[in-house]
Amino acid sequence: MKYLNKEDKKTREIVNKFFNLKVEIKQIKLLNKSNSELQNSLALKLLKLPRASGLTRPKNRCILSCKGRAVLRRFKVSHTTLREEYPKGVFPGLYKKSF
């Protein structure tokens, strides 16, 4: 992913590193609902993990302009870049509507 800056790369690495651990802890928590002491200890383990380990932390960025806002997931491009580039035929299947 060349279009990601250093901070985004670091965030995605942290998410990948702790993803399996978070899933395991949450599964154990779901299986042992009756044991409140275990529930509390697992909740503390989840709290001790880094903040950036959540799945919602990484930010989608435009491939061409590296903007972080209004990124269309299908093309991985920001809205403004898409408007500039689609008349040139960069994106197959997209064409300008005429009324």
Protein backbone atom coordinates (compact mmCIF):
# COMPACT_ATOMS: atom_id res chain seq x y z
CA MET A 1 0.00 0.00 0.00
CA LYS A 2 2.18 2.77 -1.30
CA TYR A 3 -0.45 5.44 -0.80
CA LEU A 4 -0.51 5.13 2.98
CA ASN A 5 1.57 7.48 5.05
CA LYS A 6 3.74 6.29 7.96
CA GLU A 7 1.10 6.84 10.65
CA ASP A 8 -1.52 4.87 8.74
CA LYS A 9 0.91 2.01 8.15
CA LYS A 10 1.75 1.90 11.84
CA THR A 11 -1.94 1.92 12.82
CA ARG A 12 -2.75 -0.92 10.40
CA GLU A 13 0.18 -2.96 11.73
CA ILE A 14 -1.06 -2.53 15.31
CA VAL A 15 -4.58 -3.57 14.29
CA ASN A 16 -3.27 -6.70 12.55
CA LYS A 17 -1.01 -7.53 15.49
CA PHE A 18 -3.76 -7.46 18.14
CA PHE A 19 -6.75 -8.61 16.06
CA ASN A 20 -6.52 -12.33 16.92
CA LEU A 21 -5.93 -11.62 20.62
CA LYS A 22 -9.00 -9.37 20.80
CA VAL A 23 -11.16 -11.99 19.07
CA GLU A 24 -9.99 -14.72 21.47
CA ILE A 25 -10.68 -12.59 24.54
CA LYS A 26 -14.14 -11.65 23.28
CA GLN A 27 -15.01 -15.30 22.53
CA ILE A 28 -13.95 -16.41 26.02
CA LYS A 29 -16.00 -13.55 27.44
CA LEU A 30 -19.09 -14.68 25.53
CA LEU A 31 -18.70 -18.32 26.57
CA ASN A 32 -18.28 -17.52 30.28
CA LYS A 33 -21.07 -15.05 30.94
CA SER A 34 -21.89 -16.52 34.34
CA ASN A 35 -18.40 -16.03 35.80
CA SER A 36 -18.28 -12.31 36.66
CA GLU A 37 -14.75 -12.44 38.04
CA LEU A 38 -13.43 -13.82 34.76
CA GLN A 39 -15.49 -11.25 32.85
CA ASN A 40 -13.85 -8.43 34.80
CA SER A 41 -10.33 -9.75 34.30
CA LEU A 42 -10.93 -10.12 30.54
CA ALA A 43 -12.36 -6.60 30.37
CA LEU A 44 -9.18 -5.31 32.03
CA LYS A 45 -7.07 -7.18 29.47
CA LEU A 46 -9.01 -5.51 26.66
CA LEU A 47 -8.51 -2.10 28.28
CA LYS A 48 -4.74 -2.64 28.49
CA LEU A 49 -4.44 -3.14 24.72
CA PRO A 50 -3.39 -0.08 22.71
CA ARG A 51 -6.09 2.30 21.58
CA ALA A 52 -5.02 2.00 17.96
CA SER A 53 -5.73 -1.74 17.97
CA GLY A 54 -9.40 -1.18 17.18
CA LEU A 55 -10.73 -1.95 13.72
CA THR A 56 -12.21 1.53 13.32
CA ARG A 57 -8.91 3.36 13.81
CA PRO A 58 -7.26 3.01 10.37
CA LYS A 59 -8.36 5.66 7.91
CA ASN A 60 -9.08 5.03 4.24
CA ARG A 61 -7.01 7.27 2.00
CA CYS A 62 -7.12 8.19 -1.67
CA ILE A 63 -4.62 6.27 -3.81
CA LEU A 64 -3.78 9.28 -5.97
CA SER A 65 -3.99 12.30 -3.66
CA CYS A 66 -3.65 10.73 -0.16
CA LYS A 67 -6.69 12.66 1.05
CA GLY A 68 -8.52 11.13 3.97
CA ARG A 69 -12.00 12.49 3.33
CA ALA A 70 -14.79 11.38 0.99
CA VAL A 71 -12.96 8.24 -0.12
CA LEU A 72 -15.06 5.87 -2.22
CA ARG A 73 -14.30 2.30 -1.16
CA ARG A 74 -14.99 0.78 -4.55
CA PHE A 75 -12.26 2.80 -6.30
CA LYS A 76 -10.11 3.79 -3.27
CA VAL A 77 -10.17 7.34 -4.60
CA SER A 78 -11.47 10.58 -3.10
CA HIS A 79 -14.56 12.25 -4.50
CA THR A 80 -12.63 15.22 -5.90
CA THR A 81 -10.05 13.02 -7.62
CA LEU A 82 -12.82 10.91 -9.10
CA ARG A 83 -14.53 13.99 -10.55
CA GLU A 84 -11.25 15.13 -12.10
CA GLU A 85 -10.23 11.75 -13.52
CA TYR A 86 -13.38 10.02 -14.75
CA PRO A 87 -13.80 12.15 -17.92
CA LYS A 88 -10.32 10.96 -18.96
CA GLY A 89 -11.50 7.34 -18.89
CA VAL A 90 -9.29 6.26 -15.99
CA PHE A 91 -12.10 4.31 -14.32
CA PRO A 92 -13.70 1.68 -16.57
CA GLY A 93 -17.49 1.77 -16.62
CA LEU A 94 -17.77 5.39 -15.48
CA TYR A 95 -18.87 8.07 -17.89
CA LYS A 96 -20.30 11.54 -17.55
CA LYS A 97 -24.06 11.76 -17.57
CA SER A 98 -25.55 14.20 -20.02
CA PHE A 99 -29.05 15.53 -19.61
